[in-house]
Protein backbone atom coordinates (compact mmCIF):
# COMPACT_ATOMS: atom_id res chain seq x y z
CA MET A 1 -54.52 -2.85 2.81
CA ASP A 2 -51.82 -2.45 5.45
CA GLN A 3 -48.68 -0.57 4.33
CA ARG A 4 -46.38 -3.57 4.34
CA LEU A 5 -44.91 -6.36 2.24
CA HIS A 6 -44.77 -9.93 3.37
CA VAL A 7 -42.93 -11.55 0.46
CA LEU A 8 -40.65 -10.08 -2.19
CA THR A 9 -40.11 -12.71 -4.93
CA LEU A 10 -37.45 -12.45 -7.65
CA ALA A 11 -37.25 -14.64 -10.75
CA THR A 12 -33.92 -16.42 -10.58
CA ALA A 13 -32.32 -18.12 -13.61
CA ASP A 14 -29.66 -19.99 -11.63
CA LEU A 15 -30.98 -20.97 -8.22
CA ASN A 16 -27.79 -22.85 -7.27
CA ALA A 17 -25.62 -19.79 -7.94
CA ALA A 18 -28.08 -17.66 -5.96
CA ARG A 19 -27.90 -20.11 -3.04
CA GLU A 20 -24.06 -19.78 -3.01
CA PHE A 21 -24.21 -15.97 -3.14
CA TYR A 22 -26.86 -15.54 -0.44
CA CYS A 23 -25.77 -18.35 1.89
CA SER A 24 -21.96 -18.17 1.53
CA GLY A 25 -21.57 -14.52 0.48
CA LEU A 26 -24.19 -12.86 2.66
CA GLY A 27 -24.03 -15.55 5.34
CA TRP A 28 -27.81 -15.92 5.33
CA THR A 29 -29.68 -19.01 6.50
CA PRO A 30 -32.61 -20.15 4.36
CA LEU A 31 -36.05 -20.10 5.97
CA HIS A 32 -37.06 -22.74 3.38
CA ASP A 33 -35.15 -24.28 0.49
CA GLU A 34 -37.00 -26.27 -2.14
CA PRO A 35 -34.17 -27.34 -4.49
CA GLY A 36 -34.85 -26.58 -8.15
CA GLU A 37 -37.84 -24.43 -7.25
CA ILE A 38 -37.57 -21.66 -4.64
CA LEU A 39 -35.38 -20.41 -1.81
CA PHE A 40 -36.80 -18.23 0.97
CA PHE A 41 -34.95 -16.02 3.47
CA GLN A 42 -36.48 -14.18 6.42
CA VAL A 43 -35.04 -10.69 5.85
CA ALA A 44 -37.01 -8.70 8.42
CA PRO A 45 -39.88 -9.24 10.83
CA GLY A 46 -42.79 -10.13 8.60
CA LEU A 47 -40.76 -9.96 5.35
CA VAL A 48 -39.43 -12.89 3.31
CA LEU A 49 -37.24 -12.70 0.19
CA GLY A 50 -38.04 -15.46 -2.30
CA LEU A 51 -35.71 -16.48 -5.11
CA PHE A 52 -37.90 -18.44 -7.50
CA ASP A 53 -36.60 -20.52 -10.45
CA THR A 54 -37.39 -18.47 -13.56
CA ALA A 55 -39.23 -21.26 -15.44
CA LYS A 56 -41.39 -22.01 -12.42
CA PHE A 57 -41.91 -18.29 -11.78
CA ASP A 58 -43.26 -17.86 -15.31
CA HIS A 59 -45.43 -20.99 -15.02
CA ASP A 60 -46.89 -19.65 -11.77
CA LEU A 61 -47.77 -16.38 -13.51
CA LEU A 62 -49.22 -18.29 -16.52
CA ARG A 63 -46.74 -16.56 -18.80
CA GLY A 64 -45.73 -18.07 -22.10
CA ARG A 65 -42.40 -16.24 -22.15
CA SER A 66 -39.29 -16.26 -20.01
CA THR A 67 -38.76 -13.53 -17.44
CA SER A 68 -35.40 -12.04 -18.33
CA GLY A 69 -34.48 -10.78 -14.86
CA VAL A 70 -34.87 -7.91 -12.46
CA SER A 71 -34.37 -4.38 -13.74
CA GLY A 72 -34.78 -0.97 -12.20
CA VAL A 73 -34.55 -2.39 -8.67
CA THR A 74 -31.78 -2.22 -6.10
CA LEU A 75 -31.70 -4.19 -2.87
CA SER A 76 -29.76 -2.23 -0.28
CA HIS A 77 -27.95 -3.19 2.89
CA ASN A 78 -26.58 -0.58 5.31
CA VAL A 79 -23.36 -1.49 7.14
CA PRO A 80 -22.27 0.11 10.43
CA GLU A 81 -18.79 1.28 9.37
CA ARG A 82 -17.45 2.87 6.20
CA ASP A 83 -14.71 0.17 5.85
CA ASP A 84 -17.42 -2.50 5.93
CA VAL A 85 -18.56 -1.49 2.44
CA ALA A 86 -15.42 -2.70 0.68
CA THR A 87 -15.10 -5.78 2.91
CA THR A 88 -18.72 -6.80 2.20
CA LEU A 89 -18.35 -6.21 -1.54
CA ALA A 90 -15.20 -8.40 -1.58
CA ALA A 91 -17.00 -11.23 0.26
CA LEU A 92 -19.92 -11.04 -2.17
CA GLU A 93 -17.61 -11.03 -5.17
CA ALA A 94 -15.89 -14.14 -3.81
CA ALA A 95 -19.33 -15.80 -3.62
CA GLY A 96 -20.05 -15.23 -7.31
CA GLY A 97 -21.13 -11.57 -7.45
CA THR A 98 -19.92 -9.00 -9.97
CA ILE A 99 -18.83 -5.58 -8.66
CA LEU A 100 -20.55 -2.89 -10.68
CA LYS A 101 -19.32 0.10 -8.66
CA PRO A 102 -16.43 -0.18 -6.20
CA ALA A 103 -16.72 1.34 -2.75
CA GLN A 104 -16.75 5.14 -3.08
CA GLU A 105 -18.47 8.36 -2.05
CA SER A 106 -21.97 8.67 -3.46
CA ALA A 107 -23.03 11.69 -5.46
CA PHE A 108 -26.08 11.83 -3.20
CA GLY A 109 -26.52 12.46 0.51
CA GLY A 110 -23.12 11.81 2.07
CA ILE A 111 -23.37 8.05 1.61
CA PHE A 112 -20.30 5.83 1.09
CA HIS A 113 -21.35 2.86 -1.02
CA GLY A 114 -20.77 0.37 -3.83
CA HIS A 115 -22.90 -1.84 -6.04
CA ILE A 116 -22.64 -5.53 -6.85
CA ALA A 117 -24.81 -7.84 -8.97
CA ASP A 118 -25.67 -11.27 -7.67
CA PRO A 119 -25.10 -14.19 -10.12
CA ASN A 120 -28.56 -13.57 -11.59
CA GLY A 121 -28.13 -9.84 -12.09
CA VAL A 122 -29.96 -8.61 -8.99
CA VAL A 123 -28.21 -5.37 -8.01
CA TRP A 124 -27.25 -4.83 -4.37
CA GLU A 125 -26.12 -1.55 -2.86
CA ILE A 126 -23.85 -1.96 0.13
CA ALA A 127 -23.83 1.38 1.94
CA HIS A 128 -22.66 3.22 5.01
CA ASN A 129 -25.08 6.04 5.61
CA PRO A 130 -24.24 8.06 8.77
CA GLY A 131 -27.52 9.97 8.38
CA TRP A 132 -29.56 6.82 9.07
CA SER A 133 -29.96 4.76 12.14
CA ILE A 134 -31.42 1.29 12.21
CA GLY A 135 -33.05 0.11 15.44
CA ALA A 136 -32.85 -3.36 16.90
CA ASP A 137 -36.31 -4.03 15.45
CA GLY A 138 -35.09 -3.09 11.96
CA ALA A 139 -36.92 0.24 11.84
CA VAL A 140 -35.05 2.94 9.89
CA SER A 141 -34.86 6.48 11.18
CA PHE A 142 -33.69 9.41 9.07
CA GLY A 143 -31.65 12.22 10.54
């Protein structure tokens, strides 16, 4: 199997709140929006993020219980300038997110970052990492 993902799908209890957060807060444009079911965003070449209504997610997996949410996962977005961390966190909070960790120095690796949960509890790290560079094609380089 190739070392790549094509779709990352997250169970989403409130799809309308997620739509507001991702479209208004992040400024993203849906690749496909099936109201009441699933919302897809093209997040990188060859990679789609899917936000799938929790009940339909469980039905698709043939599960008899409700998926309670995402845990132990952080979605991260690197911003070009240190000041962009606080600005981005504020915009996401205004779109329904909950700040978990305000913009600050990280204990690890010289990163300046903060964390925010989307309306469904998905944790985002907004970071400025001067040790990384991100090419026009989205490829990350360390050092």
